[in-house]
N, C-alpha and C. Protein backbone atom coordinates (compact mmCIF):
# COMPACT_ATOMS: atom_id res chain seq x y z
N LYS A 1 -68.62 130.80 -262.87
CA LYS A 1 -68.24 130.15 -264.08
C LYS A 1 -69.26 130.12 -265.04
N ALA A 2 -69.24 130.04 -266.41
CA ALA A 2 -70.11 129.88 -267.39
C ALA A 2 -70.43 128.49 -267.44
N VAL A 3 -71.55 128.00 -267.68
CA VAL A 3 -71.96 126.60 -267.73
C VAL A 3 -71.23 125.88 -268.87
N ASP A 4 -71.50 126.62 -270.19
CA ASP A 4 -70.86 126.26 -271.29
C ASP A 4 -69.13 126.33 -271.31
N PRO A 5 -68.41 125.20 -271.41
CA PRO A 5 -66.99 125.38 -271.15
C PRO A 5 -66.42 126.43 -272.29
N VAL A 6 -67.08 126.24 -273.33
CA VAL A 6 -66.41 127.40 -274.62
C VAL A 6 -66.28 128.78 -273.98
N GLU A 7 -67.18 129.41 -273.06
CA GLU A 7 -67.26 130.46 -272.61
C GLU A 7 -66.16 130.86 -271.25
N TRP A 8 -65.63 129.49 -270.97
CA TRP A 8 -64.83 129.95 -269.61
C TRP A 8 -63.69 130.91 -269.84
N SER A 9 -62.98 131.57 -268.98
CA SER A 9 -62.06 132.32 -269.13
C SER A 9 -60.81 131.35 -268.67
N VAL A 10 -59.67 131.96 -268.60
CA VAL A 10 -58.43 131.26 -268.25
C VAL A 10 -58.46 130.83 -266.67
N ARG A 11 -58.91 131.80 -266.15
CA ARG A 11 -59.31 131.55 -264.62
C ARG A 11 -60.18 130.56 -264.39
N ASP A 12 -61.45 130.41 -265.04
CA ASP A 12 -62.31 129.16 -264.99
C ASP A 12 -61.79 127.91 -265.34
N VAL A 13 -60.98 127.90 -266.36
CA VAL A 13 -60.22 126.73 -266.77
C VAL A 13 -59.44 126.39 -265.47
N VAL A 14 -58.54 127.07 -264.81
CA VAL A 14 -57.58 126.74 -263.79
C VAL A 14 -58.38 126.39 -262.46
N GLU A 15 -59.60 127.20 -262.23
CA GLU A 15 -60.46 126.54 -261.17
C GLU A 15 -61.02 125.33 -261.16
N TYR A 16 -61.34 124.89 -262.81
CA TYR A 16 -62.02 123.78 -262.78
C TYR A 16 -61.08 122.64 -262.52
N PHE A 17 -59.61 122.70 -263.09
CA PHE A 17 -58.78 121.68 -262.67
C PHE A 17 -58.35 121.73 -261.26
N THR A 18 -58.32 122.88 -260.58
CA THR A 18 -58.14 122.80 -258.98
C THR A 18 -59.09 121.80 -258.36
N GLU A 19 -60.37 122.47 -258.91
CA GLU A 19 -61.38 121.29 -258.06
C GLU A 19 -61.35 120.23 -258.42
N ALA A 20 -61.18 119.79 -259.67
CA ALA A 20 -61.00 118.36 -260.20
C ALA A 20 -59.78 117.30 -259.41
N GLY A 21 -59.03 118.36 -258.62
CA GLY A 21 -57.96 117.33 -257.99
C GLY A 21 -56.77 117.60 -258.56
N PHE A 22 -56.57 118.78 -259.63
CA PHE A 22 -55.09 118.90 -260.18
C PHE A 22 -54.53 120.17 -259.88
N PRO A 23 -54.64 120.59 -258.73
CA PRO A 23 -54.04 121.98 -258.48
C PRO A 23 -52.63 122.34 -258.91
N GLU A 24 -51.75 121.42 -258.73
CA GLU A 24 -50.51 121.73 -259.40
C GLU A 24 -50.69 121.64 -261.10
N GLN A 25 -51.35 121.06 -261.67
CA GLN A 25 -51.35 121.01 -263.04
C GLN A 25 -52.26 122.07 -263.62
N ALA A 26 -52.92 122.78 -262.82
CA ALA A 26 -53.90 123.59 -263.05
C ALA A 26 -53.02 125.12 -263.43
N GLY A 27 -51.74 124.99 -262.68
CA GLY A 27 -51.02 126.22 -263.11
C GLY A 27 -50.52 126.30 -264.52
N ALA A 28 -50.30 125.13 -265.12
CA ALA A 28 -49.80 124.95 -266.59
C ALA A 28 -50.78 125.62 -267.38
N PHE A 29 -52.04 125.38 -267.22
CA PHE A 29 -53.18 125.99 -268.00
C PHE A 29 -53.29 127.45 -267.88
N GLN A 30 -52.72 127.89 -266.61
CA GLN A 30 -52.71 129.31 -266.46
C GLN A 30 -51.42 130.18 -267.27
N GLU A 31 -50.36 129.30 -267.08
CA GLU A 31 -49.03 129.63 -267.91
C GLU A 31 -49.32 129.77 -269.35
N GLN A 32 -50.00 128.66 -269.70
CA GLN A 32 -50.22 128.81 -271.31
C GLN A 32 -51.53 129.43 -271.82
N GLU A 33 -52.03 130.15 -270.91
CA GLU A 33 -53.21 131.06 -271.22
C GLU A 33 -54.29 130.29 -271.73
N ILE A 34 -54.70 129.20 -271.46
CA ILE A 34 -55.60 128.28 -272.04
C ILE A 34 -57.11 128.57 -271.45
N ASP A 35 -57.91 129.22 -272.31
CA ASP A 35 -59.29 129.46 -271.99
C ASP A 35 -60.31 128.24 -272.52
N GLY A 36 -61.48 128.40 -272.22
CA GLY A 36 -62.35 127.38 -272.33
C GLY A 36 -62.36 126.99 -274.15
N LYS A 37 -62.25 127.93 -274.96
CA LYS A 37 -62.12 127.77 -276.09
C LYS A 37 -60.97 126.92 -276.69
N SER A 38 -59.90 127.34 -276.01
CA SER A 38 -58.53 126.46 -276.46
C SER A 38 -58.50 125.00 -275.73
N LEU A 39 -59.08 124.93 -274.63
CA LEU A 39 -59.29 123.58 -274.03
C LEU A 39 -60.06 122.78 -274.81
N LEU A 40 -61.21 123.15 -275.47
CA LEU A 40 -62.24 122.27 -276.25
C LEU A 40 -61.41 121.90 -277.25
N LEU A 41 -60.21 122.69 -277.85
CA LEU A 41 -59.56 122.45 -279.09
C LEU A 41 -58.40 121.53 -278.84
N MET A 42 -58.01 121.36 -277.48
CA MET A 42 -56.67 120.58 -277.43
C MET A 42 -56.85 119.08 -277.82
N GLN A 43 -55.72 118.63 -278.43
CA GLN A 43 -55.77 117.23 -278.78
C GLN A 43 -55.06 116.61 -277.65
N ARG A 44 -54.83 115.17 -277.56
CA ARG A 44 -54.30 114.33 -276.98
C ARG A 44 -52.72 114.86 -276.65
N ALA A 45 -52.09 114.91 -277.65
CA ALA A 45 -50.77 115.30 -277.80
C ALA A 45 -50.57 116.87 -277.21
N ASP A 46 -51.56 117.80 -277.36
CA ASP A 46 -51.36 118.93 -276.66
C ASP A 46 -51.17 119.02 -275.21
N VAL A 47 -52.02 117.99 -274.71
CA VAL A 47 -51.99 118.06 -273.21
C VAL A 47 -50.97 117.24 -272.72
N LEU A 48 -50.51 115.91 -273.39
CA LEU A 48 -49.45 115.37 -272.93
C LEU A 48 -48.03 116.01 -273.15
N THR A 49 -47.79 116.82 -274.07
CA THR A 49 -46.54 117.40 -274.31
C THR A 49 -46.50 119.02 -274.28
N GLY A 50 -47.57 119.54 -274.55
CA GLY A 50 -47.45 120.96 -274.86
C GLY A 50 -47.65 121.50 -273.35
N LEU A 51 -48.03 121.04 -272.35
CA LEU A 51 -48.20 122.01 -271.02
C LEU A 51 -47.16 121.58 -270.02
N SER A 52 -46.12 120.75 -270.34
CA SER A 52 -45.14 120.44 -269.48
C SER A 52 -45.71 119.67 -267.97
N ILE A 53 -46.79 118.94 -268.12
CA ILE A 53 -47.36 118.19 -266.95
C ILE A 53 -46.75 116.55 -267.14
N ARG A 54 -46.56 116.17 -265.76
CA ARG A 54 -45.92 114.70 -265.78
C ARG A 54 -47.00 113.94 -266.64
N LEU A 55 -46.61 113.01 -267.30
CA LEU A 55 -47.37 111.93 -267.95
C LEU A 55 -48.73 111.47 -267.55
N GLY A 56 -48.87 110.99 -266.03
CA GLY A 56 -49.73 110.28 -265.45
C GLY A 56 -50.84 111.21 -265.17
N PRO A 57 -50.59 112.65 -264.61
CA PRO A 57 -51.70 113.54 -264.63
C PRO A 57 -52.25 113.94 -265.93
N ALA A 58 -51.06 114.51 -266.66
CA ALA A 58 -51.78 114.62 -268.24
C ALA A 58 -52.62 113.59 -268.89
N LEU A 59 -52.48 112.59 -268.76
CA LEU A 59 -53.08 111.45 -269.12
C LEU A 59 -54.66 111.40 -268.38
N LYS A 60 -54.58 111.70 -267.24
CA LYS A 60 -55.95 111.67 -266.62
C LYS A 60 -56.46 112.73 -266.89
N ILE A 61 -55.99 113.86 -267.17
CA ILE A 61 -56.69 115.21 -267.27
C ILE A 61 -57.31 115.09 -268.60
N TYR A 62 -56.56 114.62 -269.58
CA TYR A 62 -57.15 114.40 -271.01
C TYR A 62 -58.50 113.50 -270.87
N GLU A 63 -57.95 112.25 -270.51
CA GLU A 63 -59.13 111.17 -270.58
C GLU A 63 -60.45 111.52 -269.89
N TYR A 64 -60.11 111.96 -268.70
CA TYR A 64 -61.48 112.13 -267.94
C TYR A 64 -61.95 113.57 -267.77
N HIS A 65 -61.39 114.55 -268.28
CA HIS A 65 -61.74 115.98 -268.48
C HIS A 65 -61.86 116.56 -269.97
N VAL A 66 -60.70 116.72 -270.58
CA VAL A 66 -60.86 117.45 -271.86
C VAL A 66 -61.61 116.63 -272.75
N LYS A 67 -61.58 115.16 -272.87
CA LYS A 67 -62.26 114.35 -273.86
C LYS A 67 -63.52 114.48 -273.42
N LEU A 68 -64.06 114.40 -271.99
CA LEU A 68 -65.18 114.47 -271.80
C LEU A 68 -66.09 115.80 -272.01
N LEU A 69 -65.37 117.04 -271.94
CA LEU A 69 -66.02 118.29 -272.23
C LEU A 69 -66.23 118.48 -273.73
N GLN A 70 -65.46 117.84 -274.34
CA GLN A 70 -65.39 118.13 -276.23
C GLN A 70 -66.72 117.62 -276.55
N PRO A 71 -67.12 116.47 -276.35
CA PRO A 71 -68.41 115.83 -277.09
C PRO A 71 -69.44 116.84 -276.51
N SER A 72 -69.64 117.10 -275.39
CA SER A 72 -70.76 117.87 -274.94
C SER A 72 -70.89 119.36 -275.47
N HIS A 73 -69.77 119.98 -275.94
CA HIS A 73 -69.86 121.04 -276.46
C HIS A 73 -70.31 120.71 -277.94
N PHE A 74 -69.33 119.93 -278.74
CA PHE A 74 -69.55 119.93 -280.13
C PHE A 74 -70.86 119.09 -280.67
N GLN A 75 -71.47 118.40 -279.54
CA GLN A 75 -72.94 117.98 -279.76
C GLN A 75 -74.00 119.12 -279.88
N ASP A 76 -73.68 119.97 -279.08
CA ASP A 76 -74.76 120.99 -279.00
C ASP A 76 -74.89 121.89 -280.30
N GLU A 77 -73.74 121.79 -280.97
CA GLU A 77 -73.62 122.57 -282.32
C GLU A 77 -74.49 121.92 -283.64
N GLU A 78 -74.42 120.68 -283.33
CA GLU A 78 -75.17 119.72 -284.60
C GLU A 78 -76.68 120.18 -284.80
């Protein structure tokens, strides 16, 4: 898996969430074909409503993973 999330494939994203303890929810990223670039562009609403994931896991995925990956990527570009 590439170190920079922007270079992750759909499979890398699925593996990331599976390893993070969200194996059931990882399938939603596969179904929606979310790669690293798409993941970094996701807003809170996209995660909560766009992936058909239960609210609890969706909030955790967004707050503890998506949100944390975004600043590390966008800071590198400045």
